[in-house]
Protein backbone atom coordinates (compact mmCIF):
# COMPACT_ATOMS: atom_id res chain seq x y z
CA MET A 1 0.00 0.00 0.00
CA ASN A 2 1.68 3.21 -1.19
CA VAL A 3 0.49 6.34 0.60
CA LEU A 4 3.14 8.42 -1.19
CA THR A 5 4.77 8.13 -4.58
CA GLN A 6 8.47 7.35 -4.62
CA GLY A 7 9.25 10.98 -5.44
CA GLU A 8 7.12 12.19 -2.55
CA GLY A 9 8.80 9.60 -0.33
CA PHE A 10 12.26 10.95 -1.10
CA LEU A 11 11.00 14.50 -0.50
CA PHE A 12 9.62 13.41 2.87
CA LEU A 13 13.00 11.93 3.85
CA ILE A 14 14.84 15.07 2.71
CA LEU A 15 12.53 17.33 4.73
CA PHE A 16 12.85 15.12 7.82
CA ALA A 17 16.65 15.16 7.48
CA GLY A 18 16.65 18.93 7.01
CA LEU A 19 14.65 19.46 10.19
CA MET A 20 17.02 17.29 12.26
CA LEU A 21 20.12 18.89 10.73
CA GLY A 22 18.75 22.38 11.30
CA MET A 23 17.89 21.68 14.94
CA THR A 24 21.30 20.15 15.60
CA TRP A 25 23.21 22.96 13.94
CA TYR A 26 21.24 25.72 15.67
CA PHE A 27 21.66 24.27 19.17
CA SER A 28 25.30 23.27 18.63
CA LYS A 29 26.73 26.54 17.35
CA SER A 30 29.36 26.72 20.06
CA GLY A 31 32.61 24.97 19.16
CA SER A 32 32.68 23.41 22.65
CA TRP A 33 29.95 20.95 21.62
CA ARG A 34 31.75 19.91 18.47
CA ASN A 35 35.44 20.15 19.23
CA THR A 36 36.03 19.00 22.80
CA GLN A 37 35.97 15.57 24.39
CA VAL A 38 33.50 16.47 27.13
CA GLY A 39 31.33 18.42 24.69
CA PHE A 40 31.13 15.76 21.99
CA LEU A 41 30.88 12.69 24.23
CA LYS A 42 28.99 14.10 27.26
CA ALA A 43 27.18 17.20 25.94
CA GLY A 44 29.19 19.24 28.43
CA GLY A 45 28.32 17.00 31.39
CA ASN A 46 25.61 19.34 32.68
CA VAL A 47 22.42 18.22 30.92
CA SER A 48 19.24 19.28 32.76
CA TRP A 49 16.65 16.78 33.96
CA LYS A 50 14.07 18.10 31.49
CA LEU A 51 16.23 17.48 28.45
CA GLY A 52 17.63 14.36 30.09
CA SER A 53 14.28 12.70 30.79
CA PHE A 54 13.02 13.36 27.25
CA SER A 55 16.26 12.02 25.81
CA ILE A 56 16.15 8.91 28.00
CA ALA A 57 12.57 8.18 26.96
CA ALA A 58 13.15 8.87 23.26
CA SER A 59 16.33 6.82 22.99
CA TRP A 60 14.56 3.78 24.55
CA ILE A 61 11.80 3.97 21.93
CA TRP A 62 13.37 1.29 19.78
CA ALA A 63 11.61 -0.44 16.93
CA PRO A 64 10.28 -3.02 19.46
CA ALA A 65 8.54 -0.26 21.43
CA LEU A 66 6.86 0.97 18.26
CA PHE A 67 6.10 -2.33 16.56
CA VAL A 68 6.51 -5.32 18.88
CA SER A 69 4.32 -3.59 21.48
CA VAL A 70 1.47 -3.49 18.96
CA GLN A 71 2.22 -6.99 17.68
CA LYS A 72 2.08 -8.52 21.16
CA SER A 73 -1.12 -6.72 22.15
CA TYR A 74 -2.57 -7.94 18.84
CA GLU A 75 -1.47 -11.53 19.45
CA LEU A 76 -1.67 -11.83 23.25
CA GLY A 77 -4.00 -9.02 24.28
CA LEU A 78 -3.62 -7.31 27.67
CA ALA A 79 -1.02 -9.86 28.79
CA GLY A 80 1.21 -9.03 25.83
CA MET A 81 0.96 -5.32 26.60
CA PHE A 82 1.68 -5.84 30.31
CA TRP A 83 4.74 -8.09 29.88
CA PHE A 84 6.18 -5.78 27.28
CA THR A 85 5.54 -2.40 28.91
CA VAL A 86 6.24 -3.02 32.61
CA PRO A 87 9.75 -4.54 32.17
CA ASN A 88 10.54 -1.75 29.70
CA VAL A 89 9.73 0.91 32.28
CA ILE A 90 11.67 -0.95 35.00
CA ALA A 91 14.66 -1.18 32.64
CA LEU A 92 14.92 2.62 32.66
CA VAL A 93 13.83 3.38 36.23
CA ILE A 94 16.49 1.00 37.57
CA PHE A 95 19.04 3.59 36.46
CA ALA A 96 17.73 5.86 39.21
CA ILE A 97 19.85 3.53 41.38
CA LEU A 98 22.65 2.71 38.95
CA ALA A 99 23.37 6.21 37.61
CA PRO A 100 24.17 7.88 40.96
CA LYS A 101 26.32 4.88 41.86
CA ILE A 102 28.47 5.05 38.73
CA ARG A 103 28.90 8.81 39.19
CA LYS A 104 30.11 8.21 42.73
CA ARG A 105 32.45 5.46 41.58
CA LEU A 106 33.79 7.27 38.50
CA PRO A 107 32.98 11.00 38.70
CA GLY A 108 34.59 11.97 35.37
CA GLY A 109 33.81 8.80 33.43
CA TYR A 110 32.58 8.41 29.86
CA THR A 111 31.74 4.75 29.30
CA PHE A 112 30.83 1.72 31.38
CA PRO A 113 33.60 -0.48 29.90
CA ASP A 114 36.04 2.25 30.97
CA TRP A 115 34.76 1.79 34.55
CA ILE A 116 35.32 -1.96 34.15
CA ARG A 117 38.90 -1.30 33.03
CA TYR A 118 39.48 0.83 36.11
CA ARG A 119 37.55 -1.52 38.44
CA PHE A 120 39.26 -4.81 37.50
CA ASN A 121 42.48 -3.65 35.79
CA ASP A 122 42.21 -6.64 33.47
CA ASP A 123 42.38 -6.33 29.67
CA ARG A 124 40.46 -9.57 29.13
CA ILE A 125 37.40 -8.40 31.03
CA HIS A 126 37.58 -4.96 29.47
CA LYS A 127 37.67 -6.45 25.95
CA ILE A 128 34.73 -8.77 26.67
CA TYR A 129 32.68 -5.81 27.90
CA LEU A 130 33.72 -3.71 24.95
CA ILE A 131 32.65 -6.42 22.49
CA VAL A 132 29.26 -6.85 24.19
CA TYR A 133 28.65 -3.10 24.37
CA LEU A 134 29.74 -2.43 20.79
CA TRP A 135 27.61 -5.37 19.63
CA TYR A 136 24.59 -3.82 21.32
CA GLN A 137 25.07 -0.50 19.53
CA ILE A 138 25.56 -2.23 16.18
CA MET A 139 22.28 -4.07 16.73
CA ALA A 140 20.57 -0.83 17.79
CA ILE A 141 21.56 0.69 14.46
CA THR A 142 20.72 -2.48 12.52
CA VAL A 143 17.21 -2.87 13.92
CA GLN A 144 16.21 0.78 13.50
CA VAL A 145 17.55 0.92 9.94
CA PHE A 146 15.85 -2.34 8.95
CA VAL A 147 12.45 -1.61 10.49
CA GLY A 148 12.54 2.02 9.36
CA GLY A 149 13.31 0.75 5.87
CA LEU A 150 10.33 -1.60 5.99
CA LEU A 151 8.09 1.24 7.15
CA VAL A 152 9.10 3.79 4.50
CA SER A 153 9.20 1.16 1.75
CA PHE A 154 5.68 0.04 2.73
CA PHE A 155 4.30 3.57 2.42
CA THR A 156 6.25 4.74 -0.64
CA GLY A 157 7.24 1.70 -2.68
CA ILE A 158 10.90 2.78 -2.60
CA ASN A 159 13.27 -0.20 -2.67
CA LEU A 160 13.98 -1.42 0.89
CA ASN A 161 17.76 -1.45 0.46
CA ILE A 162 17.78 2.12 -0.85
CA VAL A 163 15.66 3.32 2.07
CA MET A 164 17.98 1.66 4.61
CA VAL A 165 21.01 3.43 3.14
CA VAL A 166 19.17 6.76 3.23
CA LEU A 167 18.01 6.33 6.86
CA ALA A 168 21.48 5.38 8.11
CA SER A 169 23.01 8.35 6.28
CA LEU A 170 20.33 10.70 7.61
CA ALA A 171 20.95 9.94 11.30
CA LEU A 172 24.72 9.84 10.78
CA SER A 173 24.74 13.27 9.12
CA TYR A 174 23.48 15.20 12.13
CA SER A 175 25.16 12.94 14.71
CA LEU A 176 28.55 13.87 13.23
CA ILE A 177 27.96 17.55 14.03
CA SER A 178 28.01 17.46 17.82
CA GLY A 179 27.77 13.87 19.06
CA LEU A 180 25.65 13.42 22.19
CA ARG A 181 24.52 17.05 22.04
CA ALA A 182 22.97 16.33 18.62
CA SER A 183 21.27 13.24 20.02
CA ILE A 184 19.81 15.02 23.06
CA VAL A 185 18.57 18.04 21.11
CA THR A 186 16.89 15.94 18.42
CA ASP A 187 15.59 13.49 21.06
CA PHE A 188 13.63 16.32 22.63
CA LEU A 189 12.08 17.32 19.31
CA GLN A 190 11.41 13.70 18.35
CA MET A 191 9.74 12.94 21.69
CA VAL A 192 7.51 16.02 21.34
CA MET A 193 6.55 14.81 17.85
CA ILE A 194 5.84 11.29 19.13
CA LEU A 195 3.62 12.53 21.97
CA GLY A 196 1.92 15.19 19.87
CA VAL A 197 1.08 12.95 16.92
CA GLY A 198 0.12 10.10 19.25
CA ALA A 199 -2.28 12.36 21.13
CA LEU A 200 -4.04 13.07 17.83
CA ILE A 201 -3.85 9.70 16.05
CA ILE A 202 -4.69 7.26 18.87
CA PRO A 203 -8.00 8.88 20.02
CA TRP A 204 -8.97 9.45 16.38
CA THR A 205 -8.34 5.79 15.54
CA ILE A 206 -10.41 4.70 18.55
CA SER A 207 -13.28 6.88 17.36
CA ALA A 208 -13.02 5.66 13.76
CA GLY A 209 -12.91 2.05 14.92
CA GLY A 210 -16.17 2.27 16.84
CA GLY A 211 -15.20 3.82 20.17
CA TRP A 212 -13.80 2.36 23.35
CA SER A 213 -16.12 -0.65 23.16
CA ALA A 214 -14.30 -1.73 19.98
CA VAL A 215 -10.98 -1.55 21.85
CA VAL A 216 -12.34 -3.57 24.77
CA LYS A 217 -13.53 -6.26 22.38
CA GLY A 218 -9.92 -6.79 21.29
CA PHE A 219 -8.44 -6.89 24.82
CA GLY A 220 -7.93 -10.64 24.51
CA GLY A 221 -5.96 -10.34 21.27
CA LEU A 222 -5.95 -13.22 18.82
CA ALA A 223 -5.39 -15.51 21.83
CA ASN A 224 -8.75 -14.35 23.29
CA ASN A 225 -7.22 -14.15 26.77
CA THR A 226 -7.57 -11.12 29.07
CA ASN A 227 -5.62 -12.57 32.02
CA ILE A 228 -2.39 -10.55 32.26
CA LEU A 229 -0.91 -13.15 34.64
CA ASP A 230 -1.78 -16.11 32.43
CA PRO A 231 0.94 -18.72 33.19
CA THR A 232 1.38 -19.64 29.54
CA VAL A 233 2.05 -16.03 28.52
CA VAL A 234 4.37 -15.50 31.48
CA TYR A 235 6.34 -18.60 30.51
CA THR A 236 6.45 -18.16 26.75
CA PHE A 237 6.86 -14.37 26.63
CA GLY A 238 7.07 -12.67 30.02
CA ILE A 239 10.17 -14.29 31.53
CA VAL A 240 12.42 -13.92 28.50
CA THR A 241 11.17 -10.42 27.76
CA ALA A 242 11.73 -9.17 31.33
CA ILE A 243 15.26 -10.63 31.52
CA GLY A 244 16.11 -9.33 28.07
CA LEU A 245 14.82 -5.79 28.56
CA ILE A 246 16.47 -5.19 31.92
CA SER A 247 19.71 -6.77 30.70
CA GLY A 248 19.49 -4.77 27.49
CA SER A 249 19.31 -1.40 29.18
CA ILE A 250 22.18 -2.28 31.52
CA ALA A 251 24.35 -3.39 28.59
CA ASP A 252 23.45 -0.27 26.63
CA GLN A 253 26.08 2.47 26.67
CA GLN A 254 23.36 4.96 25.73
CA TYR A 255 22.11 5.08 29.34
CA TRP A 256 25.53 4.99 30.97
CA GLN A 257 26.49 7.86 28.65
CA ARG A 258 23.50 9.82 29.92
CA SER A 259 24.39 8.81 33.49
CA PHE A 260 27.72 10.61 33.02
CA SER A 261 26.19 13.56 31.14
CA ILE A 262 23.15 14.63 33.19
CA LYS A 263 23.70 16.84 36.23
CA GLU A 264 24.39 14.57 39.18
CA LYS A 265 21.62 16.07 41.31
CA ASP A 266 19.12 15.43 38.49
CA LEU A 267 19.94 11.77 37.77
CA VAL A 268 17.19 10.12 39.83
CA LYS A 269 14.51 12.52 38.57
CA SER A 270 15.66 12.13 34.95
CA PHE A 271 15.48 8.34 34.88
CA VAL A 272 12.22 8.06 36.81
CA TYR A 273 10.44 10.60 34.61
CA GLY A 274 12.15 9.20 31.51
CA GLY A 275 10.88 5.70 32.30
CA LEU A 276 7.32 6.88 32.93
CA LEU A 277 7.36 9.08 29.83
CA PHE A 278 8.51 6.14 27.75
CA GLY A 279 5.77 3.92 29.17
CA LEU A 280 3.10 6.15 27.63
CA VAL A 281 4.20 5.16 24.13
CA PRO A 282 3.78 1.34 24.12
CA LEU A 283 0.72 1.73 26.37
CA ALA A 284 -0.97 3.98 23.81
CA LEU A 285 0.20 2.04 20.75
CA SER A 286 -1.08 -1.24 22.17
CA ILE A 287 -4.60 0.13 21.54
CA LEU A 288 -3.93 -0.33 17.82
CA GLY A 289 -3.22 -3.99 18.49
CA TYR A 290 -6.53 -4.44 20.30
CA LEU A 291 -8.40 -2.80 17.43
CA GLY A 292 -6.59 -5.01 14.95
CA ALA A 293 -7.61 -8.10 16.95
CA ASN A 294 -11.29 -7.06 17.03
CA PRO A 295 -12.91 -9.43 14.49
CA ASP A 296 -15.75 -6.98 13.81
CA LEU A 297 -13.35 -4.53 12.14
CA GLY A 298 -12.06 -7.12 9.67
CA ILE A 299 -8.60 -5.52 9.42
CA GLN A 300 -6.31 -7.59 7.22
CA MET A 301 -2.56 -7.44 6.88
CA PRO A 302 -1.52 -6.57 3.31
CA GLU A 303 0.04 -9.51 1.49
CA GLY A 304 3.78 -9.84 2.01
CA VAL A 305 3.90 -7.42 4.97
CA GLN A 306 5.42 -8.66 8.21
CA LEU A 307 3.27 -8.88 11.38
CA PRO A 308 4.91 -5.98 13.31
CA MET A 309 3.24 -3.66 10.78
CA ILE A 310 -0.23 -4.44 12.22
CA GLY A 311 -0.43 -0.99 13.87
CA VAL A 312 0.37 0.70 10.57
CA SER A 313 -2.35 -1.37 8.89
CA VAL A 314 -4.95 -0.36 11.51
CA VAL A 315 -4.23 3.35 11.05
CA SER A 316 -4.19 3.01 7.25
CA GLU A 317 -7.54 1.18 7.25
CA LEU A 318 -9.37 3.53 9.62
CA LEU A 319 -7.92 6.99 8.95
CA PRO A 320 -7.36 9.15 5.85
CA THR A 321 -4.08 9.16 3.95
CA TRP A 322 -2.70 12.34 5.50
CA ALA A 323 -3.24 10.91 9.00
CA SER A 324 -1.25 7.83 8.01
CA LEU A 325 1.58 10.13 6.95
CA LEU A 326 1.51 11.80 10.37
CA PHE A 327 1.73 8.35 11.93
CA VAL A 328 4.78 7.58 9.78
CA ILE A 329 6.40 10.80 11.04
CA MET A 330 5.74 9.66 14.60
CA LEU A 331 7.28 6.24 13.98
CA MET A 332 10.25 7.75 12.12
CA SER A 333 10.89 10.06 15.08
CA GLY A 334 11.09 7.08 17.42
CA LEU A 335 13.41 5.13 15.15
CA SER A 336 15.67 8.13 14.50
CA SER A 337 16.00 8.89 18.22
CA THR A 338 17.55 5.49 18.85
CA LEU A 339 19.67 5.63 15.70
CA ASP A 340 21.41 8.86 16.68
CA SER A 341 21.73 7.69 20.31
CA GLY A 342 23.38 4.52 19.03
CA PHE A 343 25.88 6.54 17.01
CA ALA A 344 26.72 8.75 20.01
CA ALA A 345 27.10 5.78 22.36
CA GLY A 346 29.16 3.76 19.89
CA ALA A 347 31.38 6.78 19.27
CA SER A 348 32.18 7.07 22.97
CA LEU A 349 33.09 3.37 23.16
CA TRP A 350 35.34 3.69 20.13
CA ALA A 351 37.03 6.93 21.22
CA ILE A 352 37.58 6.01 24.89
CA ASP A 353 37.93 2.23 24.96
CA SER A 354 39.18 1.10 21.54
CA VAL A 355 42.31 3.19 21.05
CA ASN A 356 45.87 2.81 22.28
CA LEU A 357 46.86 5.88 24.26
CA SER A 358 50.32 6.91 25.39
CA LYS A 359 51.28 6.48 29.05
CA ALA A 360 50.86 10.23 29.63
CA GLU A 361 47.44 10.27 27.93
CA LYS A 362 46.30 7.30 30.02
CA SER A 363 47.39 9.14 33.16
CA VAL A 364 45.38 12.22 32.16
CA LEU A 365 42.32 10.09 31.34
CA GLN A 366 42.66 8.34 34.70
CA LYS A 367 42.72 11.67 36.55
CA GLU A 368 39.73 12.90 34.60
CA ARG A 369 37.80 9.72 35.46
CA LEU A 370 38.38 10.28 39.15
CA GLY A 371 37.82 14.04 39.09
CA LEU A 372 41.38 14.92 40.10
CA ALA A 373 43.22 18.17 39.27
CA PHE A 374 45.71 18.38 36.37
CA SER A 375 49.23 19.76 36.37
CA GLU A 376 50.17 22.34 33.72
CA GLU A 377 51.84 19.64 31.64
CA GLU A 378 48.75 17.44 31.94
CA LEU A 379 46.50 20.33 30.90
CA THR A 380 48.49 20.55 27.66
CA ILE A 381 47.96 16.83 27.06
CA LYS A 382 44.28 17.28 27.86
CA LYS A 383 44.01 19.93 25.16
CA VAL A 384 45.52 17.51 22.65
CA LEU A 385 42.98 14.86 23.70
CA ASP A 386 40.21 17.41 23.25
CA ILE A 387 41.21 17.75 19.61
CA SER A 388 41.88 14.09 18.85
CA THR A 389 38.97 12.46 20.70
CA PRO A 390 36.10 14.03 18.69
CA LYS A 391 37.92 13.03 15.49
CA ARG A 392 38.18 9.42 16.67
CA ALA A 393 34.56 9.50 17.79
CA ARG A 394 33.41 10.63 14.34
CA GLN A 395 35.48 7.88 12.74
CA GLY A 396 33.78 5.42 15.08
CA MET A 397 30.34 6.70 14.02
CA ILE A 398 31.13 6.18 10.35
CA GLY A 399 32.43 2.67 11.04
CA LEU A 400 29.33 1.80 13.07
CA ALA A 401 27.08 3.09 10.31
CA MET A 402 28.82 0.89 7.76
CA VAL A 403 28.71 -2.26 9.93
CA GLY A 404 25.14 -1.69 11.14
CA LEU A 405 23.94 -1.04 7.60
CA ALA A 406 25.70 -4.14 6.30
CA VAL A 407 23.98 -6.28 8.93
CA ALA A 408 20.61 -4.61 8.20
CA LEU A 409 20.98 -5.35 4.49
CA SER A 410 21.48 -9.04 5.32
CA VAL A 411 18.70 -9.41 7.94
CA GLU A 412 15.93 -10.01 5.42
CA TYR A 413 17.81 -13.07 4.17
CA ILE A 414 18.03 -14.75 7.60
CA PRO A 415 15.20 -17.30 7.71
CA GLY A 416 13.05 -17.78 10.81
CA PHE A 417 14.17 -14.63 12.67
CA GLY A 418 11.45 -12.00 12.80
CA LEU A 419 11.94 -8.71 14.65
CA ASP A 420 10.76 -10.13 17.98
CA ARG A 421 13.18 -13.09 17.87
CA LEU A 422 16.09 -10.97 16.64
CA TRP A 423 15.36 -8.58 19.53
CA TRP A 424 15.36 -11.50 21.99
CA VAL A 425 18.73 -12.78 20.74
CA PHE A 426 20.70 -9.56 21.09
CA ASN A 427 19.14 -8.91 24.50
CA ALA A 428 20.18 -12.43 25.56
CA ILE A 429 23.77 -11.65 24.60
CA ALA A 430 23.49 -8.48 26.68
CA SER A 431 22.29 -10.56 29.66
CA MET A 432 25.78 -12.09 29.90
CA ALA A 433 26.92 -8.80 31.39
CA LEU A 434 24.01 -8.28 33.79
CA VAL A 435 25.36 -10.03 36.89
CA PRO A 436 29.01 -8.83 36.76
CA THR A 437 27.80 -5.29 36.03
CA ILE A 438 25.61 -5.11 39.14
CA LEU A 439 28.10 -6.94 41.35
CA GLY A 440 31.05 -4.91 40.06
CA LEU A 441 29.26 -1.71 41.06
CA PHE A 442 27.85 -2.77 44.43
CA TRP A 443 30.02 -5.65 45.71
CA ASP A 444 33.68 -4.82 46.27
CA ARG A 445 34.70 -8.48 46.45
CA THR A 446 33.73 -9.21 42.85
CA SER A 447 36.81 -10.88 41.35
CA VAL A 448 38.43 -11.14 37.93
CA LYS A 449 38.21 -14.93 38.12
CA GLY A 450 34.51 -14.89 39.01
CA VAL A 451 33.67 -12.51 36.17
CA LEU A 452 35.63 -14.51 33.58
CA TYR A 453 34.16 -17.84 34.66
CA GLY A 454 30.71 -16.25 34.68
CA PHE A 455 31.10 -15.12 31.08
CA ILE A 456 32.30 -18.57 30.01
CA GLY A 457 29.34 -20.26 31.69
CA SER A 458 26.90 -17.72 30.23
CA PHE A 459 28.23 -18.30 26.74
CA VAL A 460 27.02 -21.90 26.91
CA GLY A 461 23.56 -20.55 27.62
CA ILE A 462 23.81 -18.14 24.66
CA ILE A 463 24.47 -21.02 22.24
CA ALA A 464 21.41 -22.86 23.57
CA PHE A 465 19.31 -19.68 23.41
CA ILE A 466 20.15 -18.96 19.78
CA TRP A 467 19.54 -22.59 18.80
CA GLY A 468 16.26 -22.61 20.70
CA ASN A 469 15.10 -19.58 18.74
CA ALA A 470 16.24 -21.10 15.47
CA ILE A 471 14.10 -24.22 16.05
CA ALA A 472 11.35 -22.32 17.95
CA ASN A 473 11.74 -24.49 21.09
CA THR A 474 10.14 -22.52 23.93
CA ASP A 475 11.50 -24.72 26.73
CA MET A 476 15.05 -24.30 25.44
CA ILE A 477 14.61 -20.53 25.03
CA VAL A 478 13.25 -19.96 28.54
CA GLY A 479 15.62 -22.42 30.19
CA SER A 480 18.72 -20.96 28.57
CA ALA A 481 17.65 -17.37 29.39
CA VAL A 482 17.38 -18.26 33.07
CA PHE A 483 20.58 -20.35 32.90
CA ILE A 484 22.61 -17.37 31.61
CA ILE A 485 21.74 -15.34 34.71
CA GLY A 486 21.87 -18.26 37.15
CA ILE A 487 25.27 -19.64 36.16
CA SER A 488 26.77 -16.15 36.20
CA LEU A 489 25.47 -15.56 39.73
CA ILE A 490 26.77 -18.90 40.97
CA LEU A 491 30.25 -18.50 39.46
CA ASN A 492 30.69 -14.88 40.51
CA PHE A 493 29.77 -15.64 44.12
CA SER A 494 31.86 -18.84 44.08
CA PHE A 495 35.10 -16.95 43.41
CA PRO A 496 35.12 -13.79 45.56
CA SER A 497 38.17 -11.58 45.70
CA LYS A 498 40.34 -12.04 48.78
CA GLU A 499 40.86 -8.30 49.03
CA PRO A 500 38.01 -5.80 48.51
CA PHE A 501 38.28 -3.24 45.75
CA ILE A 502 39.47 0.09 47.11
CA GLY A 503 38.64 3.10 44.98
CA ILE A 504 36.47 6.17 44.85
CA GLY A 505 32.99 5.27 46.05
CA SER A 506 34.01 1.81 47.34
CA ASN A 507 31.60 0.15 49.77
CA GLU A 508 34.03 -0.76 52.49
């Protein structure tokens, strides 16, 4: 179904890109945002809670929040909505505890793997964390580009591969200007667009579909089950989703980056409000799933269109063409917010954790981490880092765009892995880091040996999880998801450090 012609589709993309570029350029005029380490990677380190909470919410509005939320309410009804939305909100609100802790531990930090390097002083652990964290950002870019491509291609008829290249280039173009500053500024605009369009489209769709009674009739979804605590749904969807979402946020540099960038006194408020603000989006969008599941409306998926597009189909069936275009703008805003956040987060990992620094540069970075004063000689080195780090960060963004796009271009050829299963798999990989991350922050006897053994044990669970998804074996999927967390807990506690970690913000 083509709402726009291909020419109109390209014009739409150009206008959207122009708006994001204009916003970024206007609010990043000062060279400090573009040409310094703290400006490019931490937006100056003094982001307010208002901007911070909007940015936190917008950057967590991944393709799953926009599409899987509707799909699961369509398939599983209220239970699908509950087990998708509640863990999502918890995944952000938990940073109200984690963010102040990391700021106490590493006052001048930039990335979580950099904390791990300081905490354990072990290159093996640091490299494992860096791989997991970079993998997560690559997948963030891949998923947004792929689903955004499906969306625009569906509405315009433009070739999917061409659209994916355009979307990746669009987000990269304004991210290169000022890094995290670009992400936070555009996040605010994108979140306003999401809330504003949603406030118009969702009530209008309810009215066009027959009112609230039509929504209620679809509360059971295709499964015709309104019990949110239904044991089958909890087992087949709830457990894996909850583990994956909470693990995913904790293995996502995007939220650690904001933990280092928002004013310390505003961290708790930012993450609590950000989590609640995010929750409004899947909660509202799930209504489209209920309407789609209402048999009286007779809404059919267009031939050849994947199931996560059910919300798009509902809006297209019930509302006029121009309203569908507004809905596309809303969805594009959500996808773009995570794309640019992924570029900013990946850039910080590349610039801080992936390069070989001189001994003097490492010393300066160490002092900056801990909030210590610099000597005159060190200030000179710091100025050199301020010039070189943004350059490395931009190189990292370009590399991430190329890798993420390459993976996105290949996703459609991977049989048996829809968006929901792909989302499960990369969250499962993130869950390998859940236990050592929490213990490393809060338990000063966490040891190098325990962390390494925990990762090895978890990797066995990852193999089983991926295979379980490939053959659609629910028991194997759920069992391996729980095993990954359980074996990591057991091995980390089985090999405690003989001497507690002593550093800034230590617990003993």
